[in-house]
Structure formats: structure tokens, C-alpha cells
């Protein structure tokens, strides 16, 4: 991967633990020549501690993607570290427990709205907040979990991911004239903190490992991170509105 992202300036959200796709992406990006800026929200001391495990120091900006003030101030915060951005990684998702784990029919709108705000609308919010920093050739990449199907226990997060996938297509439409791409990586199930927060998520694991044509390692975040880095690079200059599946081929199977 050496040199793939040489000279690129990237904003990476969602680094909470070193088991996250975002952390693997930030690590690979640095190793590939990029300058990386991280964002965090809430437990910033945890993000700071995890960031020290990266190959190079990375500044951290506090960002609540549901806060208009944080979003409005983001460009100035980024300019304290670099004069622009070439890529943005959206690795943000949250849903209250009440809308997961088989509670689809019982979920209340206020909790569903939180899931949609944080996990779906924030993709557009982050992109538009970063637009003043981006030039033609820029790339926005988000992370999804195949929303073409209904998954047990995923419930309203699945709906939120479906919205995310649609939002990415609309961003591709509206940002294309500015030469900015929007794509998603659809990873198979991985043992991240986000996955562990979903009751019953482990029931995906055995089936994926057994059935994925290429096999599937539940602990290996690097394949998904490599796909994110590839989409951030200049190697996909005419690709936008796409969803790249990094799931061992599971999505291609029927029964």
C-alpha cells in the first residue's frame, strides 16, 4: 500500500478502539503516505489513547455530528492542522438498544429518530461540513452493512443503513459536479465495539464463516480498511455512488 495515498489529507471519524475499521483505515492511510486527522466525541481521552497506537501522531478534533455548532466549526478546526482535505471517512453509527435485538415492532419514534440522525443523516452533514475544505478529486467513504436484506436483531439500524446507502447515492448525484465522489464499503460482520453493542449479533458469525466463498475472519479489519483506502485514492476516479462489498462474497449467495 506504500504511496497509494501519498500527499492525501484525510479526516477519519469513528476511531474508538484499535479493533475498529476506522483505526485500521487510519493506520493503513498513514502507512500509505496520508496525513490523518481524527475526530472523536464523548470519551476523547480514550480516542487520544488509541491514537497513540498509530504509526504517526494524529491530531484529534471533537465532533458531535448531531451538533450544528460542531459541524459549522469543523472547517476552522481542521485548518488548524492542514489547509484542506482530500478525503473523509464516515465511520459513525448509533442506535438505542430499544430499537435493536428484535424490538422492531416496539421501537418508538424518538429512539428511531436518534438512530437515523446519527447513522444516516450525519453522512450528509459531515460531507457538507467538509465541502469548504475539499477540491475536485476528493472522496467521501462511509461504512455500511448490507441493507438490501433484513437481518435478525439488526432491526432499525438496518433501516438506518438502507438510508445511508441511499444518501450516498444522492451525495454522488449532488457532489459529482464538484468532482467529489461518494462511495460505501459494505463489510461482513466484524468483532468491533459497534457489533458487540447489538444484542444477538453473534448469530451472524458462524453462518458467515461457514458460507462465505472466500471464508471470513471475524477479527480481521484490514480487508475493509484496504477497500476504504482504495476508494480514497486516485485509483477510482470515475467511481461514485458505489457500494463495495468486503464480505468474503457472502452477499452474492442465495439460499
C-alpha atoms as a PDB file:
ATOM      1  CA  UNK A   1       0.000   0.000   0.000  1.00  0.00           C
ATOM      2  CA  UNK A   2       3.056   2.248   0.178  1.00  0.00           C
ATOM      3  CA  UNK A   3       2.478   5.549  -1.599  1.00  0.00           C
ATOM      4  CA  UNK A   4      -1.160   4.895  -2.543  1.00  0.00           C
ATOM      5  CA  UNK A   5      -2.298   7.919  -0.543  1.00  0.00           C
ATOM      6  CA  UNK A   6       0.885   9.967  -0.713  1.00  0.00           C
ATOM      7  CA  UNK A   7       0.141  13.606  -0.005  1.00  0.00           C
ATOM      8  CA  UNK A   8      -3.529  12.999   0.802  1.00  0.00           C
ATOM      9  CA  UNK A   9      -5.081  14.838   3.725  1.00  0.00           C
ATOM     10  CA  UNK A  10      -7.773  12.735   5.359  1.00  0.00           C
ATOM     11  CA  UNK A  11     -10.351  13.206   8.095  1.00  0.00           C
ATOM     12  CA  UNK A  12     -11.212   9.901   9.771  1.00  0.00           C
ATOM     13  CA  UNK A  13     -14.127   9.577  12.179  1.00  0.00           C
ATOM     14  CA  UNK A  14     -15.006   6.670  14.435  1.00  0.00           C
ATOM     15  CA  UNK A  15     -11.673   5.639  15.951  1.00  0.00           C
ATOM     16  CA  UNK A  16     -12.811   4.424  19.359  1.00  0.00           C
ATOM     17  CA  UNK A  17     -10.756   1.249  19.789  1.00  0.00           C
ATOM     18  CA  UNK A  18      -7.956  -0.357  17.817  1.00  0.00           C
ATOM     19  CA  UNK A  19     -10.461  -3.073  16.873  1.00  0.00           C
ATOM     20  CA  UNK A  20     -12.427  -0.633  14.715  1.00  0.00           C
ATOM     21  CA  UNK A  21     -12.385  -0.426  10.925  1.00  0.00           C
ATOM     22  CA  UNK A  22     -11.691   3.281  11.347  1.00  0.00           C
ATOM     23  CA  UNK A  23      -8.480   2.583  13.276  1.00  0.00           C
ATOM     24  CA  UNK A  24      -7.273   0.102  10.651  1.00  0.00           C
ATOM     25  CA  UNK A  25      -8.111   2.656   7.962  1.00  0.00           C
ATOM     26  CA  UNK A  26      -6.196   5.437   9.717  1.00  0.00           C
ATOM     27  CA  UNK A  27      -3.209   3.127  10.213  1.00  0.00           C
ATOM     28  CA  UNK A  28      -3.128   1.958   6.585  1.00  0.00           C
ATOM     29  CA  UNK A  29      -3.647   5.502   5.346  1.00  0.00           C
ATOM     30  CA  UNK A  30      -0.640   6.752   7.290  1.00  0.00           C
ATOM     31  CA  UNK A  31       1.437   3.840   6.075  1.00  0.00           C
ATOM     32  CA  UNK A  32       0.356   4.747   2.545  1.00  0.00           C
ATOM     33  CA  UNK A  33       1.577   8.338   2.841  1.00  0.00           C
ATOM     34  CA  UNK A  34      -1.501  10.208   4.035  1.00  0.00           C
ATOM     35  CA  UNK A  35      -1.802  12.871   6.703  1.00  0.00           C
ATOM     36  CA  UNK A  36      -4.610  11.826   9.035  1.00  0.00           C
ATOM     37  CA  UNK A  37      -6.784  13.901  11.324  1.00  0.00           C
ATOM     38  CA  UNK A  38      -9.163  12.113  13.675  1.00  0.00           C
ATOM     39  CA  UNK A  39     -12.457  13.147  15.199  1.00  0.00           C
ATOM     40  CA  UNK A  40     -13.947  11.916  18.437  1.00  0.00           C
ATOM     41  CA  UNK A  41     -16.929  12.566  20.619  1.00  0.00           C
ATOM     42  CA  UNK A  42     -17.571  11.973  24.279  1.00  0.00           C
ATOM     43  CA  UNK A  43     -14.661   9.931  25.601  1.00  0.00           C
ATOM     44  CA  UNK A  44     -11.897  11.922  23.907  1.00  0.00           C
ATOM     45  CA  UNK A  45      -9.294  10.616  26.337  1.00  0.00           C
ATOM     46  CA  UNK A  46      -9.999   7.115  25.002  1.00  0.00           C
ATOM     47  CA  UNK A  47      -9.555   8.290  21.407  1.00  0.00           C
ATOM     48  CA  UNK A  48      -6.311  10.014  22.385  1.00  0.00           C
ATOM     49  CA  UNK A  49      -5.004   6.822  23.970  1.00  0.00           C
ATOM     50  CA  UNK A  50      -5.907   4.699  20.933  1.00  0.00           C
ATOM     51  CA  UNK A  51      -4.445   7.282  18.549  1.00  0.00           C
ATOM     52  CA  UNK A  52      -1.043   6.773  20.172  1.00  0.00           C
ATOM     53  CA  UNK A  53      -1.031   3.273  18.657  1.00  0.00           C
ATOM     54  CA  UNK A  54      -0.973   4.703  15.141  1.00  0.00           C
ATOM     55  CA  UNK A  55       2.346   4.800  13.268  1.00  0.00           C
ATOM     56  CA  UNK A  56       2.393   8.606  13.482  1.00  0.00           C
ATOM     57  CA  UNK A  57       0.783  11.183  15.785  1.00  0.00           C
ATOM     58  CA  UNK A  58      -2.657  12.314  14.629  1.00  0.00           C
ATOM     59  CA  UNK A  59      -4.496  15.387  15.909  1.00  0.00           C
ATOM     60  CA  UNK A  60      -7.994  14.846  17.297  1.00  0.00           C
ATOM     61  CA  UNK A  61     -10.933  17.190  16.808  1.00  0.00           C
ATOM     62  CA  UNK A  62     -14.021  16.942  18.988  1.00  0.00           C
ATOM     63  CA  UNK A  63     -17.046  16.426  16.746  1.00  0.00           C
ATOM     64  CA  UNK A  64     -20.641  15.641  17.560  1.00  0.00           C
ATOM     65  CA  UNK A  65     -22.200  15.057  14.141  1.00  0.00           C
ATOM     66  CA  UNK A  66     -25.643  15.937  15.518  1.00  0.00           C
ATOM     67  CA  UNK A  67     -24.470  19.373  16.686  1.00  0.00           C
ATOM     68  CA  UNK A  68     -24.914  22.252  14.184  1.00  0.00           C
ATOM     69  CA  UNK A  69     -22.290  24.253  16.084  1.00  0.00           C
ATOM     70  CA  UNK A  70     -19.703  21.462  15.901  1.00  0.00           C
ATOM     71  CA  UNK A  71     -20.364  20.967  12.193  1.00  0.00           C
ATOM     72  CA  UNK A  72     -20.186  24.685  11.446  1.00  0.00           C
ATOM     73  CA  UNK A  73     -16.886  24.972  13.290  1.00  0.00           C
ATOM     74  CA  UNK A  74     -15.307  21.885  11.739  1.00  0.00           C
ATOM     75  CA  UNK A  75     -13.553  23.605   8.800  1.00  0.00           C
ATOM     76  CA  UNK A  76     -11.745  26.049  11.102  1.00  0.00           C
ATOM     77  CA  UNK A  77     -10.751  23.205  13.430  1.00  0.00           C
ATOM     78  CA  UNK A  78      -9.315  21.248  10.508  1.00  0.00           C
ATOM     79  CA  UNK A  79      -7.457  24.316   9.202  1.00  0.00           C
ATOM     80  CA  UNK A  80      -5.533  24.398  12.471  1.00  0.00           C
ATOM     81  CA  UNK A  81      -3.770  21.259  11.205  1.00  0.00           C
ATOM     82  CA  UNK A  82      -3.952  21.343   7.393  1.00  0.00           C
ATOM     83  CA  UNK A  83      -5.123  23.678   4.643  1.00  0.00           C
ATOM     84  CA  UNK A  84      -7.645  21.307   3.093  1.00  0.00           C
ATOM     85  CA  UNK A  85      -8.963  17.771   2.795  1.00  0.00           C
ATOM     86  CA  UNK A  86      -8.732  15.196   0.035  1.00  0.00           C
ATOM     87  CA  UNK A  87     -10.845  12.556   1.734  1.00  0.00           C
ATOM     88  CA  UNK A  88     -13.325  11.963   4.541  1.00  0.00           C
ATOM     89  CA  UNK A  89     -14.155   8.654   6.239  1.00  0.00           C
ATOM     90  CA  UNK A  90     -17.574   8.329   7.863  1.00  0.00           C
ATOM     91  CA  UNK A  91     -17.453   5.528  10.421  1.00  0.00           C
ATOM     92  CA  UNK A  92     -20.272   6.659  12.681  1.00  0.00           C
ATOM     93  CA  UNK A  93     -23.362   4.805  13.794  1.00  0.00           C
ATOM     94  CA  UNK A  94     -25.518   4.555  16.877  1.00  0.00           C
ATOM     95  CA  UNK A  95     -28.938   3.224  17.783  1.00  0.00           C
ATOM     96  CA  UNK A  96     -30.534   2.935  21.223  1.00  0.00           C
ATOM     97  CA  UNK A  97     -30.880  -0.632  22.476  1.00  0.00           C
ATOM     98  CA  UNK A  98     -34.661  -0.225  22.322  1.00  0.00           C
ATOM     99  CA  UNK A  99     -34.648  -0.324  18.509  1.00  0.00           C
ATOM    100  CA  UNK A 100     -32.387  -3.389  18.188  1.00  0.00           C
ATOM    101  CA  UNK A 101     -32.394  -7.037  19.174  1.00  0.00           C
ATOM    102  CA  UNK A 102     -35.841  -7.967  17.884  1.00  0.00           C
ATOM    103  CA  UNK A 103     -37.630  -4.822  19.066  1.00  0.00           C
ATOM    104  CA  UNK A 104     -38.504  -3.595  15.566  1.00  0.00           C
ATOM    105  CA  UNK A 105     -42.267  -3.540  16.134  1.00  0.00           C
ATOM    106  CA  UNK A 106     -41.963  -1.962  19.574  1.00  0.00           C
ATOM    107  CA  UNK A 107     -39.487   0.780  18.739  1.00  0.00           C
ATOM    108  CA  UNK A 108     -40.622   4.338  19.453  1.00  0.00           C
ATOM    109  CA  UNK A 109     -40.062   7.193  17.041  1.00  0.00           C
ATOM    110  CA  UNK A 110     -37.823   9.246  19.314  1.00  0.00           C
ATOM    111  CA  UNK A 111     -35.338   6.369  19.536  1.00  0.00           C
ATOM    112  CA  UNK A 112     -35.620   5.571  15.834  1.00  0.00           C
ATOM    113  CA  UNK A 113     -35.024   9.257  15.082  1.00  0.00           C
ATOM    114  CA  UNK A 114     -31.806   9.148  17.097  1.00  0.00           C
ATOM    115  CA  UNK A 115     -30.591   6.160  15.084  1.00  0.00           C
ATOM    116  CA  UNK A 116     -31.405   7.860  11.786  1.00  0.00           C
ATOM    117  CA  UNK A 117     -29.858  11.170  12.817  1.00  0.00           C
ATOM    118  CA  UNK A 118     -26.562   9.681  13.992  1.00  0.00           C
ATOM    119  CA  UNK A 119     -26.226   6.846  11.488  1.00  0.00           C
ATOM    120  CA  UNK A 120     -27.821   8.227   8.302  1.00  0.00           C
ATOM    121  CA  UNK A 121     -28.269  11.991   8.206  1.00  0.00           C
ATOM    122  CA  UNK A 122     -24.794  12.511   9.657  1.00  0.00           C
ATOM    123  CA  UNK A 123     -23.279  11.228   6.402  1.00  0.00           C
ATOM    124  CA  UNK A 124     -24.719  14.199   4.568  1.00  0.00           C
ATOM    125  CA  UNK A 125     -23.964  16.539   7.492  1.00  0.00           C
ATOM    126  CA  UNK A 126     -20.312  15.516   7.637  1.00  0.00           C
ATOM    127  CA  UNK A 127     -19.912  15.762   3.879  1.00  0.00           C
ATOM    128  CA  UNK A 128     -21.382  19.255   3.634  1.00  0.00           C
ATOM    129  CA  UNK A 129     -19.396  20.441   6.659  1.00  0.00           C
ATOM    130  CA  UNK A 130     -16.197  19.344   4.914  1.00  0.00           C
ATOM    131  CA  UNK A 131     -17.069  20.735   1.481  1.00  0.00           C
ATOM    132  CA  UNK A 132     -15.307  24.104   2.035  1.00  0.00           C
ATOM    133  CA  UNK A 133     -12.082  22.138   2.536  1.00  0.00           C
ATOM    134  CA  UNK A 134     -12.374  19.864  -0.495  1.00  0.00           C
ATOM    135  CA  UNK A 135     -11.362  20.229  -4.132  1.00  0.00           C
ATOM    136  CA  UNK A 136     -12.263  18.241  -7.266  1.00  0.00           C
ATOM    137  CA  UNK A 137     -10.910  14.730  -6.905  1.00  0.00           C
ATOM    138  CA  UNK A 138     -11.989  14.478  -3.278  1.00  0.00           C
ATOM    139  CA  UNK A 139     -13.522  11.314  -1.901  1.00  0.00           C
ATOM    140  CA  UNK A 140     -16.044  10.602   0.852  1.00  0.00           C
ATOM    141  CA  UNK A 141     -16.266   6.997   2.046  1.00  0.00           C
ATOM    142  CA  UNK A 142     -18.725   5.529   4.531  1.00  0.00           C
ATOM    143  CA  UNK A 143     -19.238   2.110   6.093  1.00  0.00           C
ATOM    144  CA  UNK A 144     -22.396   0.060   5.806  1.00  0.00           C
ATOM    145  CA  UNK A 145     -23.715  -3.432   6.473  1.00  0.00           C
ATOM    146  CA  UNK A 146     -25.630  -4.862   3.508  1.00  0.00           C
ATOM    147  CA  UNK A 147     -29.015  -3.134   3.732  1.00  0.00           C
ATOM    148  CA  UNK A 148     -30.610  -4.997   0.838  1.00  0.00           C
ATOM    149  CA  UNK A 149     -31.714  -7.675   3.302  1.00  0.00           C
ATOM    150  CA  UNK A 150     -33.494  -7.786   6.648  1.00  0.00           C
ATOM    151  CA  UNK A 151     -31.156  -9.205   9.290  1.00  0.00           C
ATOM    152  CA  UNK A 152     -32.190 -10.721  12.621  1.00  0.00           C
ATOM    153  CA  UNK A 153     -31.611  -8.354  15.583  1.00  0.00           C
ATOM    154  CA  UNK A 154     -30.321  -5.515  13.342  1.00  0.00           C
ATOM    155  CA  UNK A 155     -33.806  -4.009  13.046  1.00  0.00           C
ATOM    156  CA  UNK A 156     -33.836  -0.198  12.854  1.00  0.00           C
ATOM    157  CA  UNK A 157     -30.080   0.000  12.382  1.00  0.00           C
ATOM    158  CA  UNK A 158     -30.718  -1.929   9.177  1.00  0.00           C
ATOM    159  CA  UNK A 159     -33.211   0.738   8.152  1.00  0.00           C
ATOM    160  CA  UNK A 160     -30.660   3.405   9.045  1.00  0.00           C
ATOM    161  CA  UNK A 161     -28.049   1.678   6.880  1.00  0.00           C
ATOM    162  CA  UNK A 162     -30.530   1.492   3.995  1.00  0.00           C
ATOM    163  CA  UNK A 163     -30.934   5.232   4.358  1.00  0.00           C
ATOM    164  CA  UNK A 164     -27.166   5.652   4.447  1.00  0.00           C
ATOM    165  CA  UNK A 165     -26.812   3.723   1.204  1.00  0.00           C
ATOM    166  CA  UNK A 166     -29.441   5.910  -0.428  1.00  0.00           C
ATOM    167  CA  UNK A 167     -27.876   9.083   0.989  1.00  0.00           C
ATOM    168  CA  UNK A 168     -24.538   8.095  -0.534  1.00  0.00           C
ATOM    169  CA  UNK A 169     -26.146   7.797  -3.959  1.00  0.00           C
ATOM    170  CA  UNK A 170     -27.721  11.227  -3.568  1.00  0.00           C
ATOM    171  CA  UNK A 171     -24.416  12.714  -2.446  1.00  0.00           C
ATOM    172  CA  UNK A 172     -22.852  11.169  -5.539  1.00  0.00           C
ATOM    173  CA  UNK A 173     -25.511  12.924  -7.597  1.00  0.00           C
ATOM    174  CA  UNK A 174     -25.206  16.328  -5.962  1.00  0.00           C
ATOM    175  CA  UNK A 175     -21.422  16.422  -5.447  1.00  0.00           C
ATOM    176  CA  UNK A 176     -20.466  14.994  -8.824  1.00  0.00           C
ATOM    177  CA  UNK A 177     -20.401  18.411 -10.482  1.00  0.00           C
ATOM    178  CA  UNK A 178     -17.785  19.434  -7.936  1.00  0.00           C
ATOM    179  CA  UNK A 179     -15.688  16.399  -8.783  1.00  0.00           C
ATOM    180  CA  UNK A 180     -16.242  14.786  -5.366  1.00  0.00           C
ATOM    181  CA  UNK A 181     -17.041  11.085  -5.080  1.00  0.00           C
ATOM    182  CA  UNK A 182     -19.202   9.293  -2.516  1.00  0.00           C
ATOM    183  CA  UNK A 183     -18.878   5.548  -2.007  1.00  0.00           C
ATOM    184  CA  UNK A 184     -19.515   2.978   0.712  1.00  0.00           C
ATOM    185  CA  UNK A 185     -17.769  -0.169   1.884  1.00  0.00           C
ATOM    186  CA  UNK A 186     -20.107  -2.944   2.988  1.00  0.00           C
ATOM    187  CA  UNK A 187     -18.114  -5.119   5.361  1.00  0.00           C
ATOM    188  CA  UNK A 188     -19.146  -8.503   6.688  1.00  0.00           C
ATOM    189  CA  UNK A 189     -19.658  -8.953  10.432  1.00  0.00           C
ATOM    190  CA  UNK A 190     -16.614  -7.978  12.465  1.00  0.00           C
ATOM    191  CA  UNK A 191     -15.987  -8.075  16.184  1.00  0.00           C
ATOM    192  CA  UNK A 192     -16.000  -4.338  16.708  1.00  0.00           C
ATOM    193  CA  UNK A 193     -17.391  -2.357  19.609  1.00  0.00           C
ATOM    194  CA  UNK A 194     -20.361  -1.397  17.421  1.00  0.00           C
ATOM    195  CA  UNK A 195     -21.177  -5.045  16.710  1.00  0.00           C
ATOM    196  CA  UNK A 196     -20.868  -6.018  20.359  1.00  0.00           C
ATOM    197  CA  UNK A 197     -23.454  -3.383  21.258  1.00  0.00           C
ATOM    198  CA  UNK A 198     -26.143  -5.149  19.196  1.00  0.00           C
ATOM    199  CA  UNK A 199     -27.909  -7.891  21.185  1.00  0.00           C
ATOM    200  CA  UNK A 200     -27.622 -11.240  19.418  1.00  0.00           C
ATOM    201  CA  UNK A 201     -25.269 -10.016  16.693  1.00  0.00           C
ATOM    202  CA  UNK A 202     -23.069 -13.075  17.238  1.00  0.00           C
ATOM    203  CA  UNK A 203     -25.674 -15.210  15.449  1.00  0.00           C
ATOM    204  CA  UNK A 204     -24.330 -13.853  12.150  1.00  0.00           C
ATOM    205  CA  UNK A 205     -20.844 -15.060  12.849  1.00  0.00           C
ATOM    206  CA  UNK A 206     -20.964 -18.835  12.347  1.00  0.00           C
ATOM    207  CA  UNK A 207     -23.017 -18.634   9.159  1.00  0.00           C
ATOM    208  CA  UNK A 208     -20.657 -16.086   7.633  1.00  0.00           C
ATOM    209  CA  UNK A 209     -17.534 -18.051   8.457  1.00  0.00           C
ATOM    210  CA  UNK A 210     -19.049 -21.260   7.076  1.00  0.00           C
ATOM    211  CA  UNK A 211     -20.690 -19.895   3.932  1.00  0.00           C
ATOM    212  CA  UNK A 212     -18.601 -17.005   2.577  1.00  0.00           C
ATOM    213  CA  UNK A 213     -16.933 -18.285  -0.615  1.00  0.00           C
ATOM    214  CA  UNK A 214     -13.592 -16.747   0.336  1.00  0.00           C
ATOM    215  CA  UNK A 215     -14.021 -17.528   4.011  1.00  0.00           C
ATOM    216  CA  UNK A 216     -14.352 -14.807   6.630  1.00  0.00           C
ATOM    217  CA  UNK A 217     -12.184 -13.728   9.548  1.00  0.00           C
ATOM    218  CA  UNK A 218     -14.329 -12.017  12.164  1.00  0.00           C
ATOM    219  CA  UNK A 219     -11.327 -10.266  13.697  1.00  0.00           C
ATOM    220  CA  UNK A 220      -9.549  -9.022  10.578  1.00  0.00           C
ATOM    221  CA  UNK A 221     -10.444  -5.389   9.875  1.00  0.00           C
ATOM    222  CA  UNK A 222      -7.697  -4.885   7.300  1.00  0.00           C
ATOM    223  CA  UNK A 223      -9.593  -6.041   4.175  1.00  0.00           C
ATOM    224  CA  UNK A 224     -12.336  -3.465   4.802  1.00  0.00           C
ATOM    225  CA  UNK A 225      -9.746  -0.796   5.611  1.00  0.00           C
ATOM    226  CA  UNK A 226      -7.894  -1.550   2.374  1.00  0.00           C
ATOM    227  CA  UNK A 227     -11.104  -1.036   0.412  1.00  0.00           C
ATOM    228  CA  UNK A 228     -11.704   2.297   2.152  1.00  0.00           C
ATOM    229  CA  UNK A 229      -8.160   3.423   1.362  1.00  0.00           C
ATOM    230  CA  UNK A 230      -8.510   2.334  -2.264  1.00  0.00           C
ATOM    231  CA  UNK A 231     -11.682   4.416  -2.636  1.00  0.00           C
ATOM    232  CA  UNK A 232      -9.917   7.385  -1.024  1.00  0.00           C
ATOM    233  CA  UNK A 233      -7.096   7.082  -3.538  1.00  0.00           C
ATOM    234  CA  UNK A 234      -6.904   8.298  -7.140  1.00  0.00           C
ATOM    235  CA  UNK A 235      -7.392   4.744  -8.456  1.00  0.00           C
ATOM    236  CA  UNK A 236     -11.196   5.086  -8.668  1.00  0.00           C
ATOM    237  CA  UNK A 237     -11.532   8.489 -10.369  1.00  0.00           C
ATOM    238  CA  UNK A 238     -14.787   7.631 -12.177  1.00  0.00           C
ATOM    239  CA  UNK A 239     -16.485   5.589  -9.451  1.00  0.00           C
ATOM    240  CA  UNK A 240     -19.170   7.175  -7.299  1.00  0.00           C
ATOM    241  CA  UNK A 241     -22.441   6.077  -5.740  1.00  0.00           C
ATOM    242  CA  UNK A 242     -20.960   2.588  -5.427  1.00  0.00           C
ATOM    243  CA  UNK A 243     -21.074   0.028  -2.627  1.00  0.00           C
ATOM    244  CA  UNK A 244     -18.004  -2.210  -2.478  1.00  0.00           C
ATOM    245  CA  UNK A 245     -18.701  -5.456  -0.655  1.00  0.00           C
ATOM    246  CA  UNK A 246     -15.863  -6.725   1.531  1.00  0.00           C
ATOM    247  CA  UNK A 247     -17.575  -9.758   2.991  1.00  0.00           C
ATOM    248  CA  UNK A 248     -15.872 -12.814   1.550  1.00  0.00           C
ATOM    249  CA  UNK A 249     -18.543 -12.945  -1.156  1.00  0.00           C
ATOM    250  CA  UNK A 250     -21.417 -13.736   1.210  1.00  0.00           C
ATOM    251  CA  UNK A 251     -23.676 -11.086  -0.364  1.00  0.00           C
ATOM    252  CA  UNK A 252     -23.567 -12.914  -3.709  1.00  0.00           C
ATOM    253  CA  UNK A 253     -25.148 -16.110  -2.368  1.00  0.00           C
ATOM    254  CA  UNK A 254     -28.741 -17.219  -2.325  1.00  0.00           C
ATOM    255  CA  UNK A 255     -30.031 -19.911  -0.003  1.00  0.00           C
END
